[in-house]
Amino acid sequence: MLLETDGNTENAQASALTLGLRLLEQMALPVLVDRHVLQISGSIGIASNTDSDVNPRELLRRADLAMYHAKTEGKGQVAIYSDELDKGRLRRIEIEGQIGSGLGSNEFDLVYQPIIDAASGAIVAAEALLRWPRRAEGALSPDEFIHVAEATGQIHPLGLYVLERACRDIEPIGGLCLSVNVSPAQFRHPGFEQQVLKIIEQTGFVPERLQLEMTESYLLTNPGMAIKAMNTLKAAGISLALDDFGTGFTSIHYLKSYGFTHIKIDKSLLQGLEPDSKATMLVAGAVTLARALDMSVIAEGVEHEAQASILRDLGCHEMQGYLFGKPVPLAEFKSMLNCAGKRPQQSQSLRIAR
């Protein structure tokens, strides 16, 4: 969004911001297309000609940069250009180059967080999470490099690295299931599902032990391609979990159409979780919905025993969070299994894809 100012830049930016927010509200309204409820979002960048020497091309570049900044903030946002955004752009370009070299130099690593059976307390699965500890310029947190990888397409080789490495790490631990996050950007790759199946074949990992977690953003914007890919993965025996459940727009129709086997209740829904609270009613509703659709429920972000107790009473199947263990390197995760005496049994822990 470009602004032609009359000298009062603050008023012009305020007007553009108000207009931008109104546009986003209208864009976010659900639309019914062929019995499918679609919901889109937008990102808006605003630039004003505060400098007399700024030409139209530079003004457009600034607005474009502000728009991409809005996307990195979670989409559905409005951002106004500032000099700091150019510094951030250079930083992202630097990280982009380092990701490629980092993959070739074995700088990345995986950590694993336990997922426990709500009834027995046994560790039944591990979620694989990517870390970058051996970066030449110093360790970088996922929050700092994942969004860069998604914007540049590098998330695809990174995601395949995570899947293959995790399959090789967890395969020897008989009966333990593996959960791996899939970025919406990975689904856009035309050969994604075939590459997943190839990795399973090469590593010898039992597909019924694998669960892929995904958010709804890609599913809502590309329903046809998403359903095709997910049907292929499910046919191979892989479980599919809808991540961050409760934070977006997910209808019962979507849950049925995509054939999810699990939903992961977002940790934000656990805030204020206590007897007879609104949070407890919301989680209870989610569990009831999942059971009606023959789906299992995983609650993430569990930090207190009081939360765990309520989740068990509500019928939650599995739980994950700092109460049960933080993400740790493979060797430490194996020690956690051995010390707890809860090494999973094959017959007890396999998740059956429906």
Protein backbone atom coordinates (compact mmCIF):
# COMPACT_ATOMS: atom_id res chain seq x y z
CA MET A 1 0.00 0.00 0.00
CA LEU A 2 1.58 3.28 -1.13
CA LEU A 3 0.79 6.62 0.49
CA GLU A 4 0.97 10.01 -1.18
CA THR A 5 1.28 12.37 1.78
CA ASP A 6 0.46 16.06 2.02
CA GLY A 7 3.13 16.68 4.59
CA ASN A 8 1.33 15.06 7.51
CA THR A 9 2.87 11.60 7.43
CA GLU A 10 1.43 10.44 10.77
CA ASN A 11 -2.15 11.12 9.68
CA ALA A 12 -1.58 9.41 6.34
CA GLN A 13 -0.10 6.31 7.98
CA ALA A 14 -2.93 6.19 10.52
CA SER A 15 -5.52 6.34 7.73
CA ALA A 16 -3.74 3.63 5.75
CA LEU A 17 -3.48 1.44 8.84
CA THR A 18 -7.21 1.77 9.51
CA LEU A 19 -8.01 0.94 5.90
CA GLY A 20 -5.63 -2.03 5.94
CA LEU A 21 -7.23 -3.53 9.04
CA ARG A 22 -10.70 -3.16 7.52
CA LEU A 23 -9.55 -4.91 4.34
CA LEU A 24 -8.09 -7.80 6.34
CA GLU A 25 -11.35 -8.20 8.26
CA GLN A 26 -13.29 -8.51 5.01
CA MET A 27 -10.78 -10.93 3.50
CA ALA A 28 -10.95 -13.22 6.56
CA LEU A 29 -14.69 -13.84 6.25
CA PRO A 30 -15.42 -17.51 5.41
CA VAL A 31 -16.58 -18.24 1.85
CA LEU A 32 -18.60 -21.32 0.83
CA VAL A 33 -17.38 -22.89 -2.44
CA ASP A 34 -18.82 -26.23 -3.59
CA ARG A 35 -19.80 -27.16 -0.02
CA HIS A 36 -16.28 -26.36 1.18
CA VAL A 37 -15.82 -23.53 3.66
CA LEU A 38 -12.76 -21.55 2.59
CA GLN A 39 -11.03 -18.91 4.64
CA ILE A 40 -8.12 -16.84 3.41
CA SER A 41 -5.92 -14.28 5.03
CA GLY A 42 -3.83 -11.42 3.74
CA SER A 43 -0.78 -9.40 4.64
CA ILE A 44 -0.47 -5.67 3.98
CA GLY A 45 2.64 -3.49 3.86
CA ILE A 46 2.51 0.30 4.09
CA ALA A 47 5.17 2.75 2.91
CA SER A 48 5.01 6.55 2.92
CA ASN A 49 7.13 9.00 0.92
CA THR A 50 8.69 10.70 3.93
CA ASP A 51 11.95 11.28 2.04
CA SER A 52 11.83 13.73 -0.81
CA ASP A 53 14.41 11.74 -2.80
CA VAL A 54 12.45 8.46 -2.70
CA ASN A 55 11.40 7.44 -6.20
CA PRO A 56 8.30 5.31 -6.95
CA ARG A 57 10.35 2.14 -7.45
CA GLU A 58 11.96 2.51 -4.01
CA LEU A 59 8.60 3.29 -2.43
CA LEU A 60 7.15 0.11 -3.92
CA ARG A 61 10.12 -1.88 -2.64
CA ARG A 62 9.56 -0.55 0.86
CA ALA A 63 5.86 -1.42 0.80
CA ASP A 64 6.73 -4.90 -0.46
CA LEU A 65 9.29 -5.35 2.30
CA ALA A 66 6.75 -4.26 4.91
CA MET A 67 4.27 -6.78 3.50
CA TYR A 68 6.73 -9.66 3.84
CA HIS A 69 7.49 -8.54 7.38
CA ALA A 70 3.76 -8.75 8.11
CA LYS A 71 3.78 -12.34 6.83
CA THR A 72 6.60 -13.32 9.17
CA GLU A 73 4.58 -11.96 12.09
CA GLY A 74 1.93 -14.59 11.52
CA LYS A 75 0.03 -13.35 8.46
CA GLY A 76 -3.22 -11.46 8.67
CA GLN A 77 -1.17 -8.45 9.80
CA VAL A 78 -0.43 -4.90 8.69
CA ALA A 79 3.12 -3.55 8.84
CA ILE A 80 4.52 -0.05 8.24
CA TYR A 81 7.96 0.31 6.68
CA SER A 82 10.87 1.46 8.82
CA ASP A 83 14.63 1.45 8.38
CA GLU A 84 14.80 -1.47 10.81
CA LEU A 85 13.04 -3.66 8.26
CA ASP A 86 15.93 -3.24 5.82
CA LYS A 87 18.32 -4.38 8.55
CA GLY A 88 16.10 -7.39 9.12
CA ARG A 89 16.09 -8.15 5.37
CA LEU A 90 19.88 -8.26 5.32
CA ARG A 91 19.81 -10.51 8.36
CA ARG A 92 17.42 -12.92 6.62
CA ILE A 93 19.61 -13.00 3.51
CA GLU A 94 22.56 -13.89 5.74
CA ILE A 95 20.64 -16.71 7.45
CA GLU A 96 19.39 -18.00 4.09
CA GLY A 97 22.96 -18.54 2.90
CA GLN A 98 23.99 -20.14 6.18
CA ILE A 99 21.13 -22.69 6.11
CA GLY A 100 22.39 -24.20 2.86
CA SER A 101 25.97 -24.45 4.04
CA GLY A 102 24.84 -25.66 7.46
CA LEU A 103 23.03 -28.65 5.99
CA GLY A 104 26.14 -29.62 4.07
CA SER A 105 28.37 -29.17 7.12
CA ASN A 106 26.26 -31.22 9.57
CA GLU A 107 25.50 -28.20 11.76
CA PHE A 108 21.89 -29.20 12.49
CA ASP A 109 20.72 -31.67 15.10
CA LEU A 110 17.52 -33.14 16.52
CA VAL A 111 16.10 -33.22 20.02
CA TYR A 112 13.18 -35.36 21.18
CA GLN A 113 10.30 -34.58 23.53
CA PRO A 114 8.35 -37.46 25.09
CA ILE A 115 4.64 -37.96 24.51
CA ILE A 116 3.00 -40.03 27.23
CA ASP A 117 -0.08 -42.19 27.43
CA ALA A 118 -2.54 -40.29 29.62
CA ALA A 119 -3.84 -43.39 31.39
CA SER A 120 -0.63 -45.28 32.13
CA GLY A 121 1.97 -42.50 32.08
CA ALA A 122 4.18 -44.58 29.78
CA ILE A 123 6.20 -42.83 27.09
CA VAL A 124 4.62 -43.94 23.81
CA ALA A 125 6.04 -41.47 21.30
CA ALA A 126 8.73 -38.88 20.66
CA GLU A 127 8.33 -35.61 18.80
CA ALA A 128 11.40 -34.71 16.76
CA LEU A 129 12.40 -31.03 16.88
CA LEU A 130 15.11 -29.34 14.82
CA ARG A 131 18.00 -27.40 16.38
CA TRP A 132 21.02 -25.58 14.93
CA PRO A 133 23.71 -25.88 17.62
CA ARG A 134 26.86 -26.04 15.47
CA ARG A 135 26.31 -22.91 13.37
CA ALA A 136 29.69 -21.27 12.75
CA GLU A 137 28.39 -17.87 13.85
CA GLY A 138 26.75 -19.30 16.97
CA ALA A 139 23.64 -21.36 17.75
CA LEU A 140 20.37 -20.04 16.36
CA SER A 141 16.91 -20.82 17.73
CA PRO A 142 14.19 -22.31 15.48
CA ASP A 143 12.15 -19.12 15.84
CA GLU A 144 14.97 -17.29 14.07
CA PHE A 145 15.57 -19.61 11.13
CA ILE A 146 12.42 -21.65 10.44
CA HIS A 147 10.45 -18.74 8.98
CA VAL A 148 13.42 -17.87 6.77
CA ALA A 149 13.56 -21.46 5.53
CA GLU A 150 9.82 -21.43 4.81
CA ALA A 151 10.02 -18.16 2.88
CA THR A 152 12.96 -19.32 0.75
CA GLY A 153 11.89 -22.93 0.10
CA GLN A 154 14.75 -24.31 2.19
CA ILE A 155 12.24 -25.82 4.58
CA HIS A 156 11.83 -28.71 2.14
CA PRO A 157 15.39 -30.09 2.39
CA LEU A 158 15.41 -29.25 6.11
CA GLY A 159 12.16 -31.14 6.64
CA LEU A 160 13.41 -34.18 4.75
CA TYR A 161 16.58 -34.11 6.84
CA VAL A 162 14.49 -34.11 10.04
CA LEU A 163 12.32 -36.99 8.85
CA GLU A 164 15.19 -39.20 7.71
CA ARG A 165 17.37 -38.52 10.72
CA ALA A 166 14.48 -39.06 13.15
CA CYS A 167 13.44 -42.32 11.47
CA ARG A 168 17.00 -43.66 11.77
CA ASP A 169 17.26 -42.51 15.40
CA ILE A 170 13.93 -43.90 16.62
CA GLU A 171 13.66 -47.06 14.48
CA PRO A 172 15.80 -49.21 16.86
CA ILE A 173 13.59 -48.30 19.85
CA GLY A 174 11.00 -50.99 19.29
CA GLY A 175 7.39 -49.87 19.63
CA LEU A 176 8.11 -46.17 20.12
CA CYS A 177 6.13 -43.94 17.77
CA LEU A 178 7.62 -40.88 16.09
CA SER A 179 5.95 -37.52 15.51
CA VAL A 180 7.36 -35.08 12.95
CA ASN A 181 6.11 -31.60 12.06
CA VAL A 182 5.38 -30.83 8.42
CA SER A 183 5.48 -27.23 7.25
CA PRO A 184 2.73 -26.03 4.86
CA ALA A 185 5.55 -25.10 2.49
CA GLN A 186 6.61 -28.77 2.31
CA PHE A 187 3.16 -29.80 1.13
CA ARG A 188 3.51 -27.41 -1.81
CA HIS A 189 6.32 -29.54 -3.18
CA PRO A 190 4.75 -31.79 -5.86
CA GLY A 191 6.74 -34.87 -4.85
CA PHE A 192 6.50 -34.47 -1.08
CA GLU A 193 4.44 -37.56 -0.23
CA GLN A 194 6.55 -39.80 -2.49
CA GLN A 195 9.72 -38.55 -0.83
CA VAL A 196 8.24 -39.35 2.58
CA LEU A 197 7.47 -42.90 1.46
CA LYS A 198 10.97 -43.26 0.02
CA ILE A 199 12.56 -42.24 3.32
CA ILE A 200 10.41 -44.78 5.17
CA GLU A 201 11.52 -47.49 2.77
CA GLN A 202 15.20 -46.57 2.98
CA THR A 203 15.26 -46.37 6.77
CA GLY A 204 13.10 -49.44 7.36
CA PHE A 205 10.81 -47.43 9.63
CA VAL A 206 7.39 -49.01 10.18
CA PRO A 207 4.91 -46.48 8.72
CA GLU A 208 2.33 -47.23 11.44
CA ARG A 209 4.82 -45.83 13.95
CA LEU A 210 5.03 -42.49 12.14
CA GLN A 211 2.78 -39.50 12.71
CA LEU A 212 3.00 -36.30 10.68
CA GLU A 213 1.76 -33.10 12.31
CA MET A 214 0.46 -30.21 10.23
CA THR A 215 -1.40 -26.95 10.73
CA GLU A 216 -4.54 -26.00 8.89
CA SER A 217 -3.15 -23.02 6.90
CA TYR A 218 -2.16 -25.04 3.84
CA LEU A 219 -5.23 -27.27 4.01
CA LEU A 220 -7.62 -24.35 3.81
CA THR A 221 -5.90 -22.72 0.84
CA ASN A 222 -5.15 -25.91 -1.14
CA PRO A 223 -7.84 -28.46 -0.18
CA GLY A 224 -7.63 -30.57 -3.35
CA MET A 225 -3.86 -31.07 -3.29
CA ALA A 226 -3.85 -31.55 0.47
CA ILE A 227 -6.49 -34.29 0.42
CA LYS A 228 -4.64 -36.13 -2.37
CA ALA A 229 -1.32 -36.04 -0.50
CA MET A 230 -2.88 -37.01 2.82
CA ASN A 231 -4.78 -39.93 1.29
CA THR A 232 -1.51 -41.24 -0.13
CA LEU A 233 0.20 -40.99 3.26
CA LYS A 234 -2.72 -42.56 5.13
CA ALA A 235 -2.90 -45.43 2.65
CA ALA A 236 0.71 -46.24 3.60
CA GLY A 237 -0.29 -46.49 7.27
CA ILE A 238 0.98 -43.08 8.43
CA SER A 239 -1.05 -41.22 11.08
CA LEU A 240 -1.95 -37.58 10.54
CA ALA A 241 -2.39 -35.05 13.34
CA LEU A 242 -3.91 -31.58 13.12
CA ASP A 243 -1.54 -29.40 15.13
CA ASP A 244 -2.45 -26.26 17.11
CA PHE A 245 -6.11 -27.30 17.29
CA GLY A 246 -8.23 -24.53 18.75
CA THR A 247 -6.21 -21.61 17.39
CA GLY A 248 -7.57 -21.42 13.85
CA PHE A 249 -10.69 -22.00 11.79
CA THR A 250 -11.39 -25.72 11.58
CA SER A 251 -14.88 -27.03 10.84
CA ILE A 252 -16.21 -30.52 11.49
CA HIS A 253 -16.46 -30.89 7.72
CA TYR A 254 -12.71 -30.32 7.37
CA LEU A 255 -11.83 -32.79 10.08
CA LYS A 256 -13.92 -35.44 8.31
CA SER A 257 -12.72 -34.58 4.79
CA TYR A 258 -9.01 -34.76 5.54
CA GLY A 259 -9.24 -37.91 7.60
CA PHE A 260 -7.05 -36.87 10.51
CA THR A 261 -6.34 -39.60 13.02
CA HIS A 262 -5.31 -37.22 15.83
CA ILE A 263 -5.76 -33.63 16.93
CA LYS A 264 -3.22 -31.81 19.10
CA ILE A 265 -4.87 -29.36 21.45
CA ASP A 266 -2.82 -26.17 21.48
CA LYS A 267 -1.22 -25.19 24.77
CA SER A 268 -3.06 -21.86 24.72
CA LEU A 269 -6.30 -23.73 25.49
CA LEU A 270 -4.77 -25.09 28.69
CA GLN A 271 -4.43 -21.64 30.24
CA GLY A 272 -6.85 -21.40 33.12
CA LEU A 273 -7.57 -25.13 33.00
CA GLU A 274 -9.25 -25.88 36.34
CA PRO A 275 -12.48 -27.58 37.42
CA ASP A 276 -15.64 -26.00 35.94
CA SER A 277 -13.65 -23.32 34.08
CA LYS A 278 -14.38 -22.16 30.53
CA ALA A 279 -11.02 -23.59 29.45
CA THR A 280 -12.05 -27.01 30.78
CA MET A 281 -15.37 -26.80 28.92
CA LEU A 282 -13.55 -25.96 25.67
CA VAL A 283 -11.15 -28.88 26.01
CA ALA A 284 -14.02 -31.20 26.94
CA GLY A 285 -15.81 -30.13 23.77
CA ALA A 286 -12.71 -30.83 21.69
CA VAL A 287 -12.34 -34.31 23.19
CA THR A 288 -16.02 -35.08 22.59
CA LEU A 289 -15.75 -33.91 18.99
CA ALA A 290 -12.63 -35.97 18.38
CA ARG A 291 -14.19 -39.11 19.85
CA ALA A 292 -17.28 -38.68 17.67
CA LEU A 293 -15.00 -38.58 14.62
CA ASP A 294 -12.98 -41.61 15.82
CA MET A 295 -9.89 -39.49 16.44
CA SER A 296 -7.41 -39.47 19.31
CA VAL A 297 -6.56 -36.36 21.31
CA ILE A 298 -3.08 -35.18 22.29
CA ALA A 299 -2.71 -32.22 24.64
CA GLU A 300 0.55 -30.29 24.31
CA GLY A 301 2.10 -27.75 26.64
CA VAL A 302 1.15 -29.59 29.86
CA GLU A 303 3.24 -28.09 32.66
CA HIS A 304 1.38 -28.87 35.89
CA GLU A 305 -0.01 -32.03 37.46
CA ALA A 306 -3.35 -30.28 38.02
CA GLN A 307 -3.66 -29.80 34.24
CA ALA A 308 -2.73 -33.43 33.61
CA SER A 309 -5.32 -34.66 36.09
CA ILE A 310 -8.12 -32.70 34.44
CA LEU A 311 -7.04 -33.83 30.97
CA ARG A 312 -7.13 -37.47 32.10
CA ASP A 313 -10.61 -37.01 33.55
CA LEU A 314 -11.77 -35.42 30.28
CA GLY A 315 -10.62 -38.46 28.32
CA CYS A 316 -7.53 -37.05 26.64
CA HIS A 317 -5.51 -39.93 25.16
CA GLU A 318 -1.96 -38.58 25.22
CA MET A 319 -0.09 -35.63 26.73
CA GLN A 320 3.10 -33.73 26.08
CA GLY A 321 4.85 -30.93 27.91
CA TYR A 322 7.53 -29.92 30.40
CA LEU A 323 5.72 -31.84 33.14
CA PHE A 324 6.82 -35.05 31.42
CA GLY A 325 10.07 -33.90 29.86
CA LYS A 326 11.72 -31.16 27.83
CA PRO A 327 13.14 -31.74 24.34
CA VAL A 328 16.51 -33.47 24.81
CA PRO A 329 19.22 -35.08 22.63
CA LEU A 330 18.74 -38.70 21.60
CA ALA A 331 21.14 -40.17 24.17
CA GLU A 332 19.39 -38.34 26.99
CA PHE A 333 15.99 -39.36 25.65
CA LYS A 334 17.06 -43.02 25.68
CA SER A 335 18.25 -42.62 29.27
CA MET A 336 14.89 -41.12 30.14
CA LEU A 337 13.19 -44.22 28.75
CA ASN A 338 15.48 -46.61 30.60
CA CYS A 339 15.44 -44.77 33.93
CA ALA A 340 11.66 -44.54 33.94
CA GLY A 341 11.39 -48.22 33.15
CA LYS A 342 8.76 -47.34 30.58
CA ARG A 343 10.27 -48.55 27.36
CA PRO A 344 7.19 -49.01 25.17
CA GLN A 345 5.98 -52.41 24.09
CA GLN A 346 5.21 -52.95 20.43
CA SER A 347 1.69 -54.21 21.04
CA GLN A 348 0.78 -51.37 23.37
CA SER A 349 2.01 -48.25 21.66
CA LEU A 350 1.45 -48.54 17.92
CA ARG A 351 -1.03 -45.97 16.68
CA ILE A 352 -3.31 -47.46 14.08
CA ALA A 353 -4.09 -45.13 11.17
CA ARG A 354 -7.80 -45.15 10.48
